[in-house]
């Protein structure tokens, strides 16, 4: 079944590489068309176009996969139009990444200069070049979010189907921005696990897993019980996903993660890993952490000192436990829904792959 051309049959069970290839084709083709129109305005926009294209160049396409299986779990068949709608989730993610890197002043993403760093070359002879590059990066993120809405609306799905999902788009944007704002407001504050988990839920869990699932389900006409199950699965798994990110941020291999281990500590972000470390640390360790967190000149010796405190109080193990509990909650939610076998298998596989990653 398809509303735009003939459907491309995806063999069940879920094959991540085959699905990723489909999403890549849609995203890159759509962005290429948009890039042509942008360049047609003026060739000086070339550096901006390069960063738009770079923002969508990689990724595991998890958000698109959750949207796709949110549709399939209702009993709907594969559809080219649905794949296009699901691909719009990746443009939302690209926009969020560009903005997140800008907010955090991160120099690297996937081993490459972030947009606001790369764009300095385009304005290096201008007054206040660094500020100008940051402004350009902000606009790149804004453009990607607008493009996400356009790709979704032009997916080829019937208007009535799209109307069912429209309120969820408003929620997605509102909650994602709320999470980013909360992270900014709580950066540098005394670490608190409850506050950190709220940031995780709104900044990551909802737009990574829950909302894509709900949007796919809404497009397919999912009932209330299924939607409730999607939320239970999505929130638990989305939190586990970000908790894994917290661990990789400090203990992962930068050559694999593409990000510096020092970023979270230099900016004193409200991560759950730091909050649990603080909660379990004694007075001496808290004093030591307080002297290191938020220092822009923090070096690898400082990083290792923080890691040593974390290991001593067994904070990494505590985060692993939190991940395990949440994955179990997500899988229990799936079991309660009695989904079609292909969808149940795919969502189970996605749950494991989302938290077992090394980058």
Protein backbone atom coordinates (compact mmCIF):
# COMPACT_ATOMS: atom_id res chain seq x y z
CA UNK A 1 0.00 0.00 0.00
CA UNK A 2 1.34 3.45 -0.89
CA UNK A 3 0.10 6.92 -1.64
CA UNK A 4 3.18 7.89 -3.64
CA UNK A 5 4.43 5.38 -6.16
CA UNK A 6 4.77 1.68 -5.59
CA UNK A 7 5.67 0.49 -2.10
CA UNK A 8 9.16 -0.74 -1.38
CA UNK A 9 8.76 -4.02 0.43
CA UNK A 10 10.84 -4.35 3.57
CA UNK A 11 11.35 -7.92 4.60
CA UNK A 12 10.35 -8.79 8.16
CA UNK A 13 11.84 -9.05 10.69
CA UNK A 14 13.28 -5.55 10.89
CA UNK A 15 16.53 -5.05 8.97
CA UNK A 16 18.18 -1.87 10.29
CA UNK A 17 20.59 -1.43 7.36
CA UNK A 18 17.84 -1.73 4.73
CA UNK A 19 15.57 0.68 6.59
CA UNK A 20 18.40 3.16 7.16
CA UNK A 21 19.15 3.13 3.41
CA UNK A 22 15.55 4.06 2.65
CA UNK A 23 15.57 6.94 5.11
CA UNK A 24 18.97 8.14 3.90
CA UNK A 25 17.67 8.27 0.34
CA UNK A 26 14.62 10.32 1.32
CA UNK A 27 16.49 12.72 3.59
CA UNK A 28 19.39 13.38 1.23
CA UNK A 29 17.15 13.74 -1.79
CA UNK A 30 14.83 16.17 -0.05
CA UNK A 31 17.69 18.23 1.40
CA UNK A 32 19.42 18.32 -2.00
CA UNK A 33 16.28 19.80 -3.56
CA UNK A 34 16.04 22.40 -0.81
CA UNK A 35 19.74 23.19 -1.14
CA UNK A 36 19.32 23.93 -4.84
CA UNK A 37 16.58 26.42 -4.06
CA UNK A 38 18.67 28.06 -1.37
CA UNK A 39 21.70 28.41 -3.65
CA UNK A 40 19.41 29.85 -6.32
CA UNK A 41 18.78 32.79 -3.99
CA UNK A 42 22.50 33.61 -3.87
CA UNK A 43 25.73 31.64 -4.25
CA UNK A 44 27.03 33.23 -1.04
CA UNK A 45 24.73 30.85 0.84
CA UNK A 46 27.01 27.95 -0.10
CA UNK A 47 28.55 27.55 3.40
CA UNK A 48 25.08 27.49 4.95
CA UNK A 49 23.95 24.82 2.49
CA UNK A 50 27.04 22.76 3.32
CA UNK A 51 26.13 22.75 7.01
CA UNK A 52 22.50 21.84 6.31
CA UNK A 53 23.72 18.87 4.28
CA UNK A 54 26.35 17.94 6.87
CA UNK A 55 23.71 17.97 9.63
CA UNK A 56 21.71 15.19 7.95
CA UNK A 57 24.63 13.18 6.57
CA UNK A 58 24.88 10.51 9.26
CA UNK A 59 23.04 8.85 12.09
CA UNK A 60 21.35 5.57 12.88
CA UNK A 61 17.89 6.88 11.88
CA UNK A 62 16.37 5.62 15.13
CA UNK A 63 13.70 8.31 15.30
CA UNK A 64 12.46 7.47 11.83
CA UNK A 65 12.40 3.80 12.78
CA UNK A 66 10.24 4.45 15.83
CA UNK A 67 7.80 6.48 13.73
CA UNK A 68 7.68 3.75 11.08
CA UNK A 69 6.98 0.98 13.60
CA UNK A 70 4.46 3.15 15.41
CA UNK A 71 2.55 2.95 12.11
CA UNK A 72 3.18 -0.72 11.43
CA UNK A 73 2.21 -1.79 14.95
CA UNK A 74 -1.36 -0.60 14.27
CA UNK A 75 -1.52 -3.12 11.46
CA UNK A 76 -0.79 -0.75 8.58
CA UNK A 77 1.39 -2.04 5.71
CA UNK A 78 4.66 -0.64 4.45
CA UNK A 79 4.27 2.65 2.57
CA UNK A 80 6.61 4.98 0.71
CA UNK A 81 4.59 7.93 1.93
CA UNK A 82 4.92 6.83 5.54
CA UNK A 83 8.67 6.42 5.09
CA UNK A 84 8.83 10.03 3.91
CA UNK A 85 6.84 11.16 6.93
CA UNK A 86 9.09 9.12 9.23
CA UNK A 87 12.19 10.64 7.61
CA UNK A 88 11.04 14.07 8.80
CA UNK A 89 11.89 12.94 12.34
CA UNK A 90 15.54 12.89 11.30
CA UNK A 91 15.37 16.54 10.25
CA UNK A 92 13.95 17.37 13.68
CA UNK A 93 16.91 15.54 15.19
CA UNK A 94 19.39 17.36 12.93
CA UNK A 95 17.90 20.70 14.00
CA UNK A 96 18.11 19.73 17.67
CA UNK A 97 21.75 18.66 17.30
CA UNK A 98 22.79 21.93 15.63
CA UNK A 99 21.06 23.95 18.33
CA UNK A 100 22.39 21.72 21.12
CA UNK A 101 25.98 22.03 19.91
CA UNK A 102 25.53 25.78 19.70
CA UNK A 103 24.09 26.04 23.21
CA UNK A 104 26.84 23.83 24.65
CA UNK A 105 29.57 25.43 22.51
CA UNK A 106 30.67 21.91 21.53
CA UNK A 107 33.57 21.92 19.03
CA UNK A 108 33.01 18.44 17.59
CA UNK A 109 30.15 16.17 16.55
CA UNK A 110 30.89 12.75 15.05
CA UNK A 111 34.53 13.78 14.84
CA UNK A 112 33.78 16.81 12.63
CA UNK A 113 33.61 20.52 13.51
CA UNK A 114 30.14 21.50 14.64
CA UNK A 115 28.14 23.95 12.51
CA UNK A 116 28.99 27.08 14.50
CA UNK A 117 32.70 26.18 14.35
CA UNK A 118 32.73 25.23 10.66
CA UNK A 119 30.90 28.42 9.69
CA UNK A 120 33.64 30.63 11.11
CA UNK A 121 35.53 30.21 7.85
CA UNK A 122 32.67 31.85 5.96
CA UNK A 123 32.77 35.00 8.11
CA UNK A 124 36.40 35.10 9.21
CA UNK A 125 36.95 38.57 7.70
CA UNK A 126 33.77 40.00 9.19
CA UNK A 127 33.56 41.98 12.44
CA UNK A 128 32.64 39.75 15.40
CA UNK A 129 33.20 36.65 13.29
CA UNK A 130 32.58 34.16 16.10
CA UNK A 131 29.22 35.74 16.93
CA UNK A 132 28.30 35.83 13.23
CA UNK A 133 29.14 32.13 12.82
CA UNK A 134 26.97 31.27 15.82
CA UNK A 135 24.09 33.27 14.33
CA UNK A 136 24.43 31.39 11.06
CA UNK A 137 24.39 28.06 12.91
CA UNK A 138 21.23 29.07 14.78
CA UNK A 139 19.56 29.78 11.44
CA UNK A 140 20.75 26.43 10.05
CA UNK A 141 18.97 24.72 12.93
CA UNK A 142 15.84 26.81 12.41
CA UNK A 143 15.84 25.95 8.70
CA UNK A 144 16.16 22.23 9.41
CA UNK A 145 13.15 22.33 11.74
CA UNK A 146 11.10 24.14 9.10
CA UNK A 147 12.20 21.59 6.50
CA UNK A 148 11.08 18.78 8.82
CA UNK A 149 7.55 20.15 8.85
CA UNK A 150 7.58 20.57 5.08
CA UNK A 151 8.75 17.01 4.43
CA UNK A 152 6.08 15.67 6.78
CA UNK A 153 3.31 17.71 5.17
CA UNK A 154 4.45 16.76 1.65
CA UNK A 155 4.95 13.08 2.44
CA UNK A 156 2.04 11.98 0.29
CA UNK A 157 -0.13 10.69 3.14
CA UNK A 158 -3.82 11.64 3.01
CA UNK A 159 -4.69 14.98 4.56
CA UNK A 160 -6.96 13.34 7.11
CA UNK A 161 -4.10 11.13 8.32
CA UNK A 162 -1.76 14.11 8.67
CA UNK A 163 -4.40 16.05 10.60
CA UNK A 164 -4.49 13.32 13.26
CA UNK A 165 -0.79 13.84 13.96
CA UNK A 166 -0.65 17.63 13.77
CA UNK A 167 -1.22 18.26 17.53
CA UNK A 168 1.67 15.92 18.30
CA UNK A 169 4.01 18.06 16.22
CA UNK A 170 3.18 21.01 18.43
CA UNK A 171 3.88 18.90 21.52
CA UNK A 172 7.16 17.64 20.08
CA UNK A 173 8.50 21.15 19.48
CA UNK A 174 7.22 22.54 22.78
CA UNK A 175 8.64 19.70 24.87
CA UNK A 176 11.98 19.63 23.07
CA UNK A 177 12.46 23.36 23.64
CA UNK A 178 11.32 22.99 27.26
CA UNK A 179 13.99 20.35 27.80
CA UNK A 180 16.71 22.50 26.25
CA UNK A 181 15.63 25.48 28.35
CA UNK A 182 15.60 23.41 31.54
CA UNK A 183 19.10 22.16 30.81
CA UNK A 184 20.34 25.74 30.38
CA UNK A 185 18.57 26.91 33.54
CA UNK A 186 20.00 24.02 35.58
CA UNK A 187 23.52 24.04 34.19
CA UNK A 188 25.94 24.82 37.02
CA UNK A 189 23.36 24.17 39.75
CA UNK A 190 23.87 21.72 42.60
CA UNK A 191 23.47 18.29 40.96
CA UNK A 192 20.07 16.73 41.57
CA UNK A 193 18.95 13.40 40.10
CA UNK A 194 15.24 14.24 39.90
CA UNK A 195 15.96 17.49 38.09
CA UNK A 196 18.39 15.73 35.73
CA UNK A 197 15.86 13.05 34.85
CA UNK A 198 13.29 15.71 34.03
CA UNK A 199 15.76 17.32 31.61
CA UNK A 200 16.45 13.89 30.08
CA UNK A 201 12.74 13.21 29.62
CA UNK A 202 11.96 16.45 27.83
CA UNK A 203 15.21 17.09 26.01
CA UNK A 204 15.75 13.56 24.70
CA UNK A 205 13.30 10.81 25.62
CA UNK A 206 10.19 12.37 24.19
CA UNK A 207 11.47 13.47 20.78
CA UNK A 208 13.75 10.45 20.35
CA UNK A 209 11.29 7.64 21.07
CA UNK A 210 7.88 8.57 22.48
CA UNK A 211 6.79 11.28 20.05
CA UNK A 212 7.95 9.49 16.87
CA UNK A 213 6.03 6.40 18.01
CA UNK A 214 2.94 8.44 18.82
CA UNK A 215 3.10 10.31 15.52
CA UNK A 216 3.39 7.05 13.58
CA UNK A 217 0.51 5.66 15.59
CA UNK A 218 -1.64 8.74 15.10
CA UNK A 219 -1.08 8.61 11.34
CA UNK A 220 -2.28 5.01 11.40
CA UNK A 221 -5.27 5.67 13.65
CA UNK A 222 -3.97 4.03 16.84
CA UNK A 223 -6.42 3.65 19.69
CA UNK A 224 -6.02 4.96 23.23
CA UNK A 225 -4.63 1.72 24.70
CA UNK A 226 -1.93 1.49 22.06
CA UNK A 227 -1.02 5.15 22.48
CA UNK A 228 -0.67 4.67 26.23
CA UNK A 229 1.58 1.68 25.63
CA UNK A 230 3.70 3.70 23.20
CA UNK A 231 4.22 6.34 25.88
CA UNK A 232 5.21 3.78 28.51
CA UNK A 233 7.67 2.16 26.15
CA UNK A 234 8.92 5.42 24.67
CA UNK A 235 9.58 7.34 27.87
CA UNK A 236 11.37 4.46 29.58
CA UNK A 237 13.51 3.64 26.56
CA UNK A 238 14.19 7.30 25.75
CA UNK A 239 15.49 7.87 29.27
CA UNK A 240 17.67 4.77 29.02
CA UNK A 241 19.02 6.07 25.70
CA UNK A 242 20.14 9.36 27.25
CA UNK A 243 21.54 7.67 30.35
CA UNK A 244 23.76 5.65 28.02
CA UNK A 245 24.78 8.94 26.40
CA UNK A 246 25.76 10.29 29.82
CA UNK A 247 28.08 7.35 30.37
CA UNK A 248 29.58 7.56 26.89
CA UNK A 249 30.08 11.29 27.33
CA UNK A 250 32.58 10.74 30.14
CA UNK A 251 33.79 7.17 29.71
CA UNK A 252 33.39 6.53 25.97
CA UNK A 253 36.17 6.52 23.39
CA UNK A 254 36.20 9.96 21.68
CA UNK A 255 37.33 8.29 18.45
CA UNK A 256 34.06 6.36 18.48
CA UNK A 257 31.70 8.91 20.02
CA UNK A 258 33.11 11.81 18.00
CA UNK A 259 32.85 14.08 21.06
CA UNK A 260 35.32 15.22 23.70
CA UNK A 261 35.02 13.58 27.14
CA UNK A 262 35.51 16.97 28.80
CA UNK A 263 32.40 18.70 27.39
CA UNK A 264 29.91 17.76 30.12
CA UNK A 265 32.33 18.65 32.93
CA UNK A 266 33.56 21.94 31.50
CA UNK A 267 30.00 23.16 31.11
CA UNK A 268 28.77 21.49 34.34
CA UNK A 269 25.73 20.06 32.59
CA UNK A 270 22.98 18.55 34.75
CA UNK A 271 23.57 14.93 33.75
CA UNK A 272 22.16 12.05 35.77
CA UNK A 273 25.64 10.54 36.01
CA UNK A 274 26.95 13.64 37.75
CA UNK A 275 23.85 13.90 39.92
CA UNK A 276 24.17 10.30 41.12
CA UNK A 277 27.87 10.84 41.76
CA UNK A 278 27.08 13.89 43.86
CA UNK A 279 24.30 12.08 45.74
CA UNK A 280 26.56 9.21 46.76
CA UNK A 281 29.72 11.24 47.37
CA UNK A 282 30.99 12.26 50.77
CA UNK A 283 31.97 15.77 51.81
CA UNK A 284 35.58 15.46 50.65
CA UNK A 285 34.61 14.16 47.22
CA UNK A 286 31.96 16.84 46.83
CA UNK A 287 34.55 19.48 47.62
CA UNK A 288 36.87 17.96 45.04
CA UNK A 289 34.12 17.87 42.40
CA UNK A 290 33.09 21.43 43.20
CA UNK A 291 36.62 22.61 42.47
CA UNK A 292 36.67 20.93 39.05
CA UNK A 293 33.18 21.23 37.58
CA UNK A 294 32.52 24.14 35.25
CA UNK A 295 36.18 24.99 34.69
CA UNK A 296 36.77 25.89 31.04
CA UNK A 297 40.45 25.02 31.45
CA UNK A 298 39.73 21.53 32.78
CA UNK A 299 42.29 19.12 31.31
CA UNK A 300 42.67 15.36 31.08
CA UNK A 301 44.07 15.21 34.62
CA UNK A 302 40.92 16.90 35.87
CA UNK A 303 38.81 14.52 33.82
CA UNK A 304 40.53 11.53 35.37
CA UNK A 305 40.08 13.00 38.85
CA UNK A 306 36.31 13.24 38.27
CA UNK A 307 36.23 9.74 36.82
CA UNK A 308 38.08 8.44 39.86
CA UNK A 309 35.44 9.90 42.18
CA UNK A 310 32.68 8.44 40.03
CA UNK A 311 34.24 5.00 40.08
CA UNK A 312 34.85 5.12 43.83
CA UNK A 313 31.21 5.87 44.62
CA UNK A 314 30.12 3.38 41.90
CA UNK A 315 28.09 5.94 39.99
CA UNK A 316 28.63 4.29 36.57
CA UNK A 317 27.20 1.06 37.96
CA UNK A 318 24.22 2.95 39.33
CA UNK A 319 23.53 4.45 35.90
CA UNK A 320 23.80 0.97 34.35
CA UNK A 321 21.16 -0.22 36.83
CA UNK A 322 18.89 2.68 35.87
CA UNK A 323 19.32 1.78 32.19
CA UNK A 324 18.49 -1.87 32.85
CA UNK A 325 15.35 -0.99 34.82
CA UNK A 326 14.10 1.30 32.07
CA UNK A 327 14.73 -1.16 29.28
CA UNK A 328 12.81 -3.77 31.25
CA UNK A 329 9.93 -1.31 31.70
CA UNK A 330 9.91 -0.62 27.97
CA UNK A 331 9.86 -4.30 27.05
CA UNK A 332 7.13 -5.02 29.61
CA UNK A 333 5.03 -2.31 27.96
CA UNK A 334 5.50 -4.04 24.61
CA UNK A 335 4.46 -7.40 26.04
CA UNK A 336 1.25 -5.86 27.38
CA UNK A 337 0.27 -4.58 23.93
CA UNK A 338 0.21 -7.90 22.05
CA UNK A 339 1.53 -6.31 18.86
CA UNK A 340 1.85 -7.97 15.45
CA UNK A 341 4.99 -10.12 15.40
CA UNK A 342 7.02 -7.94 12.97
CA UNK A 343 6.36 -4.79 15.00
CA UNK A 344 7.03 -6.47 18.34
CA UNK A 345 10.28 -7.91 17.01
CA UNK A 346 11.42 -4.60 15.55
CA UNK A 347 10.62 -2.57 18.66
CA UNK A 348 12.36 -5.17 20.84
CA UNK A 349 15.46 -5.01 18.63
CA UNK A 350 15.38 -1.21 18.68
CA UNK A 351 15.20 -1.20 22.48
CA UNK A 352 18.35 -3.30 22.74
CA UNK A 353 20.29 -1.44 20.05
CA UNK A 354 19.43 1.97 21.47
CA UNK A 355 21.20 1.24 24.77
CA UNK A 356 23.89 -1.24 23.72
CA UNK A 357 25.72 1.25 21.51
CA UNK A 358 29.31 2.41 22.04
CA UNK A 359 28.89 5.74 20.25
